[in-house]
């Protein structure tokens, strides 16, 4: 099995603020996903949940988001695609790469990418598998900025609504599945 920590260590230097932000966020997402999986008795391996959650944002180091100490060159919206590339390069399970690729927002459709002229390769980046949907859902409750505390459902819904009704509807579907 792939050691997610060795991948994190390679891309997030020890004693850096970005590493601290990254680990705190991903650990919160992992804990949330594990709690949901246990409560709902989901047929997922806990080590797969942890590995996917701990690497879902691995690509943020390649983006330009100074508010969370990211000083790369890509727009932040590209972190999922960048992360999937990193995970594939490092030989991580394809399931983890697909989680990274498909967790942004409540997923992104090809039509939304085109309509908003997002700087992403054409395609659908919608969470499809149970693991992909679970991590996408858990991720929405934790930010990488501010106090990084768990958001309540209404705050998450307000944030998703800013990206349009389709985004909110997809989140609501995830919430029905996992709440």
N, C-alpha and C. Protein backbone atom coordinates (compact mmCIF):
# COMPACT_ATOMS: atom_id res chain seq x y z
N UNK A 1 0.83 -1.19 0.00
CA UNK A 1 0.00 0.00 0.00
C UNK A 1 0.88 1.25 0.00
N UNK A 2 0.43 2.24 -0.70
CA UNK A 2 1.14 3.52 -0.78
C UNK A 2 1.08 4.24 0.56
N UNK A 3 2.20 4.81 0.93
CA UNK A 3 2.29 5.57 2.17
C UNK A 3 1.98 7.04 1.85
N UNK A 4 0.78 7.47 2.23
CA UNK A 4 0.39 8.84 1.91
C UNK A 4 1.32 9.86 2.58
N UNK A 5 1.85 9.52 3.75
CA UNK A 5 2.70 10.48 4.46
C UNK A 5 3.99 10.77 3.69
N UNK A 6 4.54 9.77 3.02
CA UNK A 6 5.76 10.02 2.25
C UNK A 6 5.49 10.95 1.08
N UNK A 7 4.30 10.88 0.50
CA UNK A 7 3.94 11.81 -0.59
C UNK A 7 3.79 13.22 -0.02
N UNK A 8 3.10 13.34 1.10
CA UNK A 8 2.95 14.65 1.74
C UNK A 8 4.32 15.23 2.08
N UNK A 9 5.18 14.41 2.67
CA UNK A 9 6.52 14.88 3.07
C UNK A 9 7.32 15.39 1.87
N UNK A 10 7.13 14.78 0.73
CA UNK A 10 7.88 15.18 -0.47
C UNK A 10 7.45 16.55 -0.99
N UNK A 11 6.18 16.90 -0.84
CA UNK A 11 5.65 18.14 -1.42
C UNK A 11 5.40 19.25 -0.40
N UNK A 12 5.42 18.91 0.89
CA UNK A 12 5.13 19.89 1.94
C UNK A 12 6.24 19.84 2.97
N UNK A 13 7.21 20.75 2.87
CA UNK A 13 8.40 20.72 3.74
C UNK A 13 8.05 20.81 5.23
N UNK A 14 8.83 20.09 6.01
CA UNK A 14 8.67 20.13 7.47
C UNK A 14 8.81 21.56 7.96
N UNK A 15 8.10 21.86 9.01
CA UNK A 15 8.16 23.15 9.69
C UNK A 15 7.74 24.33 8.80
N UNK A 16 6.93 24.06 7.78
CA UNK A 16 6.42 25.17 6.96
C UNK A 16 4.96 25.44 7.34
N UNK A 17 4.56 26.68 7.20
CA UNK A 17 3.18 27.04 7.51
C UNK A 17 2.20 26.33 6.57
N UNK A 18 2.59 26.19 5.29
CA UNK A 18 1.73 25.49 4.35
C UNK A 18 1.51 24.05 4.79
N UNK A 19 2.54 23.38 5.25
CA UNK A 19 2.39 22.00 5.71
C UNK A 19 1.41 21.93 6.89
N UNK A 20 1.56 22.87 7.81
CA UNK A 20 0.65 22.89 8.97
C UNK A 20 -0.80 23.07 8.52
N UNK A 21 -1.04 24.00 7.61
CA UNK A 21 -2.39 24.24 7.09
C UNK A 21 -2.89 22.98 6.39
N UNK A 22 -2.05 22.43 5.54
CA UNK A 22 -2.43 21.25 4.76
C UNK A 22 -2.81 20.08 5.68
N UNK A 23 -1.94 19.78 6.63
CA UNK A 23 -2.19 18.63 7.51
C UNK A 23 -3.43 18.84 8.38
N UNK A 24 -3.60 20.04 8.88
CA UNK A 24 -4.76 20.30 9.73
C UNK A 24 -6.06 20.13 8.93
N UNK A 25 -6.08 20.68 7.72
CA UNK A 25 -7.27 20.57 6.88
C UNK A 25 -7.54 19.10 6.52
N UNK A 26 -6.54 18.43 6.01
CA UNK A 26 -6.76 17.05 5.55
C UNK A 26 -7.11 16.11 6.69
N UNK A 27 -6.52 16.34 7.87
CA UNK A 27 -6.87 15.50 9.02
C UNK A 27 -8.33 15.72 9.42
N UNK A 28 -8.78 16.97 9.36
CA UNK A 28 -10.19 17.27 9.67
C UNK A 28 -11.11 16.58 8.67
N UNK A 29 -10.76 16.63 7.39
CA UNK A 29 -11.57 15.99 6.36
C UNK A 29 -11.57 14.47 6.57
N UNK A 30 -10.41 13.91 6.88
CA UNK A 30 -10.33 12.47 7.13
C UNK A 30 -11.20 12.07 8.32
N UNK A 31 -11.12 12.83 9.40
CA UNK A 31 -11.92 12.52 10.59
C UNK A 31 -13.41 12.61 10.29
N UNK A 32 -13.81 13.63 9.54
CA UNK A 32 -15.22 13.79 9.16
C UNK A 32 -15.67 12.61 8.30
N UNK A 33 -14.87 12.26 7.30
CA UNK A 33 -15.23 11.16 6.41
C UNK A 33 -15.31 9.84 7.17
N UNK A 34 -14.38 9.61 8.08
CA UNK A 34 -14.42 8.38 8.89
C UNK A 34 -15.67 8.34 9.77
N UNK A 35 -16.01 9.46 10.37
CA UNK A 35 -17.20 9.51 11.22
C UNK A 35 -18.46 9.20 10.41
N UNK A 36 -18.57 9.79 9.21
CA UNK A 36 -19.72 9.52 8.36
C UNK A 36 -19.75 8.05 7.96
N UNK A 37 -18.60 7.53 7.54
CA UNK A 37 -18.54 6.14 7.09
C UNK A 37 -18.93 5.17 8.20
N UNK A 38 -18.47 5.45 9.40
CA UNK A 38 -18.82 4.58 10.54
C UNK A 38 -20.30 4.69 10.87
N UNK A 39 -20.80 5.92 10.92
CA UNK A 39 -22.21 6.14 11.26
C UNK A 39 -23.14 5.50 10.24
N UNK A 40 -22.79 5.64 8.96
CA UNK A 40 -23.63 5.12 7.88
C UNK A 40 -23.29 3.66 7.52
N UNK A 41 -22.25 3.12 8.18
CA UNK A 41 -21.80 1.75 7.90
C UNK A 41 -21.51 1.57 6.40
N UNK A 42 -20.75 2.49 5.86
CA UNK A 42 -20.43 2.46 4.44
C UNK A 42 -19.44 1.32 4.16
N UNK A 43 -19.59 0.66 3.03
CA UNK A 43 -18.70 -0.45 2.69
C UNK A 43 -17.37 0.04 2.10
N UNK A 44 -16.64 0.79 2.89
CA UNK A 44 -15.34 1.33 2.46
C UNK A 44 -14.28 0.94 3.49
N UNK A 45 -13.09 0.70 3.01
CA UNK A 45 -11.95 0.40 3.87
C UNK A 45 -11.48 1.70 4.51
N UNK A 46 -11.31 1.70 5.82
CA UNK A 46 -10.90 2.94 6.51
C UNK A 46 -9.54 3.44 6.04
N UNK A 47 -8.63 2.55 5.68
CA UNK A 47 -7.32 3.03 5.21
C UNK A 47 -7.45 3.72 3.86
N UNK A 48 -8.40 3.30 3.03
CA UNK A 48 -8.65 3.99 1.76
C UNK A 48 -9.23 5.38 2.00
N UNK A 49 -10.14 5.48 2.98
CA UNK A 49 -10.73 6.78 3.32
C UNK A 49 -9.62 7.73 3.80
N UNK A 50 -8.78 7.24 4.70
CA UNK A 50 -7.72 8.09 5.25
C UNK A 50 -6.75 8.51 4.15
N UNK A 51 -6.29 7.57 3.34
CA UNK A 51 -5.34 7.90 2.27
C UNK A 51 -5.90 8.91 1.29
N UNK A 52 -7.15 8.70 0.88
CA UNK A 52 -7.77 9.63 -0.08
C UNK A 52 -7.99 11.00 0.55
N UNK A 53 -8.42 11.02 1.80
CA UNK A 53 -8.65 12.31 2.47
C UNK A 53 -7.35 13.06 2.70
N UNK A 54 -6.31 12.34 3.08
CA UNK A 54 -5.03 13.00 3.38
C UNK A 54 -4.32 13.50 2.12
N UNK A 55 -4.73 13.02 0.94
CA UNK A 55 -4.08 13.45 -0.30
C UNK A 55 -5.00 14.21 -1.25
N UNK A 56 -6.25 14.43 -0.87
CA UNK A 56 -7.19 15.03 -1.81
C UNK A 56 -6.77 16.43 -2.25
N UNK A 57 -6.04 17.15 -1.43
CA UNK A 57 -5.60 18.52 -1.76
C UNK A 57 -4.10 18.61 -2.03
N UNK A 58 -3.46 17.50 -2.34
CA UNK A 58 -2.00 17.49 -2.51
C UNK A 58 -1.54 18.52 -3.56
N UNK A 59 -2.40 18.86 -4.50
CA UNK A 59 -2.03 19.78 -5.57
C UNK A 59 -2.05 21.25 -5.21
N UNK A 60 -2.48 21.62 -4.00
CA UNK A 60 -2.53 23.06 -3.68
C UNK A 60 -1.14 23.69 -3.70
N UNK A 61 -0.09 22.90 -3.47
CA UNK A 61 1.27 23.44 -3.48
C UNK A 61 1.67 23.97 -4.85
N UNK A 62 0.96 23.59 -5.89
CA UNK A 62 1.26 24.03 -7.24
C UNK A 62 0.46 25.27 -7.62
N UNK A 63 -0.37 25.77 -6.70
CA UNK A 63 -1.25 26.90 -7.03
C UNK A 63 -0.79 28.19 -6.37
N UNK A 64 -1.36 29.27 -6.85
CA UNK A 64 -1.09 30.59 -6.32
C UNK A 64 -2.26 31.01 -5.43
N UNK A 65 -2.11 30.78 -4.14
CA UNK A 65 -3.13 31.15 -3.15
C UNK A 65 -2.40 31.61 -1.91
N UNK A 66 -1.91 32.84 -1.95
CA UNK A 66 -1.03 33.33 -0.89
C UNK A 66 -1.71 33.35 0.48
N UNK A 67 -3.03 33.45 0.52
CA UNK A 67 -3.74 33.46 1.80
C UNK A 67 -3.58 32.17 2.59
N UNK A 68 -3.22 31.09 1.88
CA UNK A 68 -2.96 29.82 2.57
C UNK A 68 -1.53 29.33 2.29
N UNK A 69 -0.66 30.31 2.01
CA UNK A 69 0.78 30.04 1.86
C UNK A 69 1.13 29.21 0.63
N UNK A 70 0.29 29.23 -0.40
CA UNK A 70 0.59 28.53 -1.65
C UNK A 70 1.18 29.55 -2.63
N UNK A 71 2.36 29.24 -3.15
CA UNK A 71 3.05 30.18 -4.02
C UNK A 71 3.47 29.53 -5.33
N UNK A 72 2.58 28.70 -5.87
CA UNK A 72 2.83 28.08 -7.17
C UNK A 72 2.36 28.98 -8.29
N UNK A 73 2.24 28.41 -9.46
CA UNK A 73 1.90 29.21 -10.64
C UNK A 73 0.47 29.00 -11.14
N UNK A 74 -0.17 27.92 -10.75
CA UNK A 74 -1.50 27.62 -11.28
C UNK A 74 -2.59 28.36 -10.52
N UNK A 75 -3.71 28.65 -11.18
CA UNK A 75 -4.87 29.15 -10.45
C UNK A 75 -5.35 28.08 -9.47
N UNK A 76 -5.91 28.50 -8.35
CA UNK A 76 -6.32 27.55 -7.31
C UNK A 76 -7.31 26.51 -7.82
N UNK A 77 -8.18 26.88 -8.76
CA UNK A 77 -9.17 25.94 -9.29
C UNK A 77 -8.50 24.70 -9.90
N UNK A 78 -7.22 24.81 -10.23
CA UNK A 78 -6.49 23.70 -10.86
C UNK A 78 -5.89 22.73 -9.85
N UNK A 79 -6.12 22.95 -8.56
CA UNK A 79 -5.43 22.10 -7.57
C UNK A 79 -5.85 20.64 -7.64
N UNK A 80 -7.07 20.37 -8.04
CA UNK A 80 -7.51 18.97 -8.15
C UNK A 80 -6.81 18.23 -9.27
N UNK A 81 -6.74 18.87 -10.43
CA UNK A 81 -6.05 18.28 -11.58
C UNK A 81 -4.57 18.13 -11.28
N UNK A 82 -3.97 19.17 -10.70
CA UNK A 82 -2.55 19.11 -10.34
C UNK A 82 -2.30 17.98 -9.34
N UNK A 83 -3.19 17.86 -8.36
CA UNK A 83 -3.05 16.82 -7.36
C UNK A 83 -3.15 15.43 -7.94
N UNK A 84 -4.10 15.24 -8.86
CA UNK A 84 -4.24 13.94 -9.51
C UNK A 84 -2.95 13.59 -10.25
N UNK A 85 -2.36 14.58 -10.91
CA UNK A 85 -1.09 14.34 -11.61
C UNK A 85 0.02 13.95 -10.65
N UNK A 86 0.12 14.64 -9.53
CA UNK A 86 1.13 14.30 -8.53
C UNK A 86 0.92 12.87 -8.03
N UNK A 87 -0.31 12.54 -7.69
CA UNK A 87 -0.59 11.21 -7.13
C UNK A 87 -0.29 10.11 -8.15
N UNK A 88 -0.63 10.33 -9.40
CA UNK A 88 -0.32 9.33 -10.44
C UNK A 88 1.19 9.20 -10.60
N UNK A 89 1.90 10.31 -10.61
CA UNK A 89 3.36 10.30 -10.74
C UNK A 89 4.00 9.54 -9.59
N UNK A 90 3.45 9.68 -8.40
CA UNK A 90 4.02 9.04 -7.21
C UNK A 90 3.56 7.60 -7.01
N UNK A 91 2.73 7.11 -7.93
CA UNK A 91 2.29 5.72 -7.85
C UNK A 91 1.21 5.46 -6.80
N UNK A 92 0.51 6.50 -6.40
CA UNK A 92 -0.59 6.34 -5.44
C UNK A 92 -1.73 5.60 -6.12
N UNK A 93 -2.63 5.03 -5.34
CA UNK A 93 -3.78 4.35 -5.95
C UNK A 93 -4.59 5.30 -6.84
N UNK A 94 -5.05 4.79 -7.95
CA UNK A 94 -5.85 5.59 -8.88
C UNK A 94 -7.09 6.16 -8.19
N UNK A 95 -7.63 5.43 -7.21
CA UNK A 95 -8.80 5.93 -6.47
C UNK A 95 -8.49 7.25 -5.78
N UNK A 96 -7.28 7.41 -5.24
CA UNK A 96 -6.89 8.66 -4.59
C UNK A 96 -6.78 9.77 -5.62
N UNK A 97 -6.18 9.46 -6.78
CA UNK A 97 -6.03 10.46 -7.83
C UNK A 97 -7.39 10.95 -8.30
N UNK A 98 -8.34 10.04 -8.44
CA UNK A 98 -9.68 10.45 -8.88
C UNK A 98 -10.38 11.29 -7.82
N UNK A 99 -10.16 10.99 -6.55
CA UNK A 99 -10.72 11.84 -5.49
C UNK A 99 -10.16 13.25 -5.62
N UNK A 100 -8.84 13.37 -5.77
CA UNK A 100 -8.23 14.69 -5.92
C UNK A 100 -8.81 15.43 -7.13
N UNK A 101 -8.97 14.73 -8.21
CA UNK A 101 -9.43 15.31 -9.47
C UNK A 101 -10.90 15.76 -9.42
N UNK A 102 -11.71 15.09 -8.59
CA UNK A 102 -13.16 15.29 -8.66
C UNK A 102 -13.79 15.90 -7.42
N UNK A 103 -13.01 16.38 -6.47
CA UNK A 103 -13.60 16.86 -5.21
C UNK A 103 -13.91 18.35 -5.19
N UNK A 104 -13.47 19.10 -6.19
CA UNK A 104 -13.61 20.55 -6.17
C UNK A 104 -15.09 20.95 -6.21
N UNK A 105 -15.47 21.83 -5.29
CA UNK A 105 -16.88 22.23 -5.18
C UNK A 105 -17.71 21.00 -4.86
N UNK A 106 -18.79 20.84 -5.60
CA UNK A 106 -19.58 19.60 -5.50
C UNK A 106 -19.42 18.83 -6.80
N UNK A 107 -18.26 19.03 -7.41
CA UNK A 107 -17.96 18.49 -8.73
C UNK A 107 -18.14 19.59 -9.76
N UNK A 108 -17.51 19.40 -10.90
CA UNK A 108 -17.60 20.37 -11.99
C UNK A 108 -17.96 19.64 -13.27
N UNK A 109 -18.97 20.13 -13.96
CA UNK A 109 -19.35 19.53 -15.23
C UNK A 109 -18.60 20.22 -16.37
N UNK A 110 -18.53 19.53 -17.51
CA UNK A 110 -17.90 20.11 -18.69
C UNK A 110 -18.59 21.41 -19.09
N UNK A 111 -19.91 21.43 -18.98
CA UNK A 111 -20.65 22.65 -19.33
C UNK A 111 -20.31 23.81 -18.40
N UNK A 112 -20.18 23.54 -17.11
CA UNK A 112 -19.82 24.60 -16.16
C UNK A 112 -18.40 25.11 -16.42
N UNK A 113 -17.50 24.21 -16.74
CA UNK A 113 -16.12 24.61 -17.05
C UNK A 113 -16.10 25.51 -18.28
N UNK A 114 -16.83 25.12 -19.31
CA UNK A 114 -16.88 25.92 -20.54
C UNK A 114 -17.58 27.26 -20.31
N UNK A 115 -18.72 27.23 -19.64
CA UNK A 115 -19.50 28.46 -19.43
C UNK A 115 -18.75 29.48 -18.60
N UNK A 116 -17.96 29.00 -17.65
CA UNK A 116 -17.20 29.91 -16.79
C UNK A 116 -15.78 30.13 -17.28
N UNK A 117 -15.43 29.52 -18.40
CA UNK A 117 -14.09 29.61 -18.97
C UNK A 117 -13.03 29.28 -17.92
N UNK A 118 -13.28 28.22 -17.18
CA UNK A 118 -12.32 27.80 -16.15
C UNK A 118 -11.07 27.23 -16.82
N UNK A 119 -9.90 27.48 -16.25
CA UNK A 119 -8.65 27.02 -16.86
C UNK A 119 -8.36 25.54 -16.56
N UNK A 120 -9.31 24.69 -16.94
CA UNK A 120 -9.19 23.25 -16.73
C UNK A 120 -9.33 22.54 -18.07
N UNK A 121 -8.70 21.37 -18.18
CA UNK A 121 -8.92 20.58 -19.40
C UNK A 121 -10.41 20.25 -19.53
N UNK A 122 -10.92 20.24 -20.75
CA UNK A 122 -12.34 19.90 -20.94
C UNK A 122 -12.64 18.53 -20.33
N UNK A 123 -13.81 18.41 -19.74
CA UNK A 123 -14.22 17.14 -19.17
C UNK A 123 -15.11 17.34 -17.97
N UNK A 124 -15.67 16.24 -17.52
CA UNK A 124 -16.47 16.24 -16.30
C UNK A 124 -15.59 15.83 -15.14
N UNK A 125 -15.65 16.59 -14.07
CA UNK A 125 -14.90 16.29 -12.85
C UNK A 125 -15.91 16.15 -11.71
N UNK A 126 -16.77 15.17 -11.89
CA UNK A 126 -17.84 14.91 -10.94
C UNK A 126 -17.49 13.70 -10.09
N UNK A 127 -17.66 13.79 -8.77
CA UNK A 127 -17.39 12.62 -7.92
C UNK A 127 -18.38 11.51 -8.26
N UNK A 128 -17.86 10.33 -8.58
CA UNK A 128 -18.71 9.24 -9.02
C UNK A 128 -18.78 8.10 -8.01
N UNK A 129 -17.65 7.63 -7.54
CA UNK A 129 -17.66 6.48 -6.64
C UNK A 129 -18.06 6.92 -5.23
N UNK A 130 -18.38 5.95 -4.41
CA UNK A 130 -18.74 6.24 -3.02
C UNK A 130 -17.60 6.98 -2.31
N UNK A 131 -16.36 6.54 -2.51
CA UNK A 131 -15.22 7.20 -1.88
C UNK A 131 -15.08 8.64 -2.37
N UNK A 132 -15.21 8.86 -3.66
CA UNK A 132 -15.10 10.21 -4.22
C UNK A 132 -16.18 11.12 -3.64
N UNK A 133 -17.40 10.63 -3.58
CA UNK A 133 -18.50 11.44 -3.05
C UNK A 133 -18.31 11.73 -1.56
N UNK A 134 -17.85 10.73 -0.81
CA UNK A 134 -17.65 10.91 0.64
C UNK A 134 -16.60 11.98 0.92
N UNK A 135 -15.46 11.92 0.26
CA UNK A 135 -14.41 12.91 0.52
C UNK A 135 -14.84 14.29 0.03
N UNK A 136 -15.50 14.35 -1.11
CA UNK A 136 -16.02 15.63 -1.60
C UNK A 136 -16.95 16.25 -0.56
N UNK A 137 -17.83 15.46 -0.02
CA UNK A 137 -18.78 15.93 1.00
C UNK A 137 -18.06 16.40 2.26
N UNK A 138 -17.21 15.56 2.81
CA UNK A 138 -16.51 15.90 4.06
C UNK A 138 -15.67 17.17 3.90
N UNK A 139 -15.08 17.34 2.74
CA UNK A 139 -14.22 18.49 2.46
C UNK A 139 -14.96 19.82 2.57
N UNK A 140 -16.23 19.82 2.25
CA UNK A 140 -16.99 21.07 2.24
C UNK A 140 -17.15 21.68 3.64
N UNK A 141 -16.94 20.90 4.67
CA UNK A 141 -17.14 21.39 6.04
C UNK A 141 -15.90 22.03 6.65
N UNK A 142 -14.77 22.02 5.90
CA UNK A 142 -13.53 22.56 6.45
C UNK A 142 -12.81 23.43 5.45
N UNK A 143 -12.43 24.61 5.90
CA UNK A 143 -11.67 25.55 5.10
C UNK A 143 -10.18 25.39 5.41
N UNK A 144 -9.36 25.93 4.54
CA UNK A 144 -7.92 25.96 4.81
C UNK A 144 -7.49 27.35 5.30
N UNK A 145 -8.44 28.19 5.61
CA UNK A 145 -8.11 29.53 6.11
C UNK A 145 -8.95 29.83 7.34
N UNK A 146 -8.64 30.94 7.97
CA UNK A 146 -9.38 31.34 9.17
C UNK A 146 -9.12 30.38 10.32
N UNK A 147 -10.15 30.17 11.12
CA UNK A 147 -10.00 29.32 12.31
C UNK A 147 -10.03 27.83 11.98
N UNK A 148 -10.43 27.50 10.78
CA UNK A 148 -10.44 26.12 10.29
C UNK A 148 -11.32 25.19 11.12
N UNK A 149 -12.32 25.76 11.76
CA UNK A 149 -13.26 24.94 12.54
C UNK A 149 -14.33 24.40 11.60
N UNK A 150 -15.03 23.37 12.06
CA UNK A 150 -16.09 22.77 11.25
C UNK A 150 -17.20 23.80 11.00
N UNK A 151 -17.61 23.89 9.73
CA UNK A 151 -18.70 24.77 9.35
C UNK A 151 -20.03 24.05 9.59
N UNK A 152 -21.06 24.81 9.91
CA UNK A 152 -22.37 24.18 10.02
C UNK A 152 -22.97 24.03 8.62
N UNK A 153 -24.00 23.21 8.54
CA UNK A 153 -24.61 22.87 7.25
C UNK A 153 -25.11 24.11 6.51
N UNK A 154 -25.74 25.03 7.20
CA UNK A 154 -26.27 26.21 6.51
C UNK A 154 -25.15 27.07 5.92
N UNK A 155 -24.04 27.17 6.60
CA UNK A 155 -22.91 27.93 6.04
C UNK A 155 -22.39 27.24 4.78
N UNK A 156 -22.26 25.93 4.83
CA UNK A 156 -21.79 25.19 3.65
C UNK A 156 -22.76 25.41 2.49
N UNK A 157 -24.05 25.33 2.76
CA UNK A 157 -25.05 25.52 1.71
C UNK A 157 -24.97 26.94 1.12
N UNK A 158 -24.77 27.95 1.96
CA UNK A 158 -24.62 29.32 1.45
C UNK A 158 -23.39 29.43 0.55
N UNK A 159 -22.31 28.81 0.97
CA UNK A 159 -21.08 28.86 0.17
C UNK A 159 -21.27 28.14 -1.17
N UNK A 160 -21.95 27.01 -1.15
CA UNK A 160 -22.18 26.27 -2.40
C UNK A 160 -23.12 27.05 -3.32
N UNK A 161 -24.08 27.74 -2.76
CA UNK A 161 -25.03 28.51 -3.56
C UNK A 161 -24.35 29.63 -4.34
N UNK A 162 -23.22 30.12 -3.84
CA UNK A 162 -22.49 31.17 -4.57
C UNK A 162 -22.02 30.68 -5.93
N UNK A 163 -21.91 29.37 -6.10
CA UNK A 163 -21.44 28.81 -7.37
C UNK A 163 -22.59 28.36 -8.26
N UNK A 164 -23.82 28.69 -7.85
CA UNK A 164 -24.98 28.40 -8.68
C UNK A 164 -25.86 27.31 -8.10
N UNK A 165 -27.07 27.28 -8.62
CA UNK A 165 -28.07 26.33 -8.12
C UNK A 165 -27.65 24.87 -8.36
N UNK A 166 -27.02 24.61 -9.49
CA UNK A 166 -26.59 23.22 -9.77
C UNK A 166 -25.59 22.74 -8.74
N UNK A 167 -24.67 23.60 -8.38
CA UNK A 167 -23.68 23.24 -7.37
C UNK A 167 -24.35 22.97 -6.02
N UNK A 168 -25.28 23.84 -5.65
CA UNK A 168 -26.01 23.64 -4.40
C UNK A 168 -26.85 22.36 -4.45
N UNK A 169 -27.50 22.12 -5.57
CA UNK A 169 -28.32 20.90 -5.70
C UNK A 169 -27.45 19.65 -5.55
N UNK A 170 -26.27 19.66 -6.14
CA UNK A 170 -25.37 18.50 -6.01
C UNK A 170 -24.92 18.33 -4.57
N UNK A 171 -24.61 19.45 -3.90
CA UNK A 171 -24.24 19.33 -2.49
C UNK A 171 -25.41 18.77 -1.68
N UNK A 172 -26.60 19.26 -1.94
CA UNK A 172 -27.78 18.77 -1.20
C UNK A 172 -27.96 17.26 -1.42
N UNK A 173 -27.67 16.79 -2.63
CA UNK A 173 -27.73 15.35 -2.89
C UNK A 173 -26.69 14.61 -2.04
N UNK A 174 -25.50 15.15 -1.96
CA UNK A 174 -24.46 14.54 -1.11
C UNK A 174 -24.89 14.55 0.35
N UNK A 175 -25.48 15.65 0.77
CA UNK A 175 -25.93 15.74 2.16
C UNK A 175 -27.02 14.70 2.47
N UNK A 176 -27.93 14.52 1.53
CA UNK A 176 -28.97 13.48 1.75
C UNK A 176 -28.33 12.09 1.83
N UNK A 177 -27.31 11.87 1.02
CA UNK A 177 -26.64 10.57 1.03
C UNK A 177 -25.87 10.31 2.33
N UNK A 178 -25.24 11.34 2.86
CA UNK A 178 -24.30 11.14 3.96
C UNK A 178 -24.74 11.66 5.32
N UNK A 179 -25.82 12.45 5.39
CA UNK A 179 -26.21 12.99 6.69
C UNK A 179 -27.06 11.99 7.46
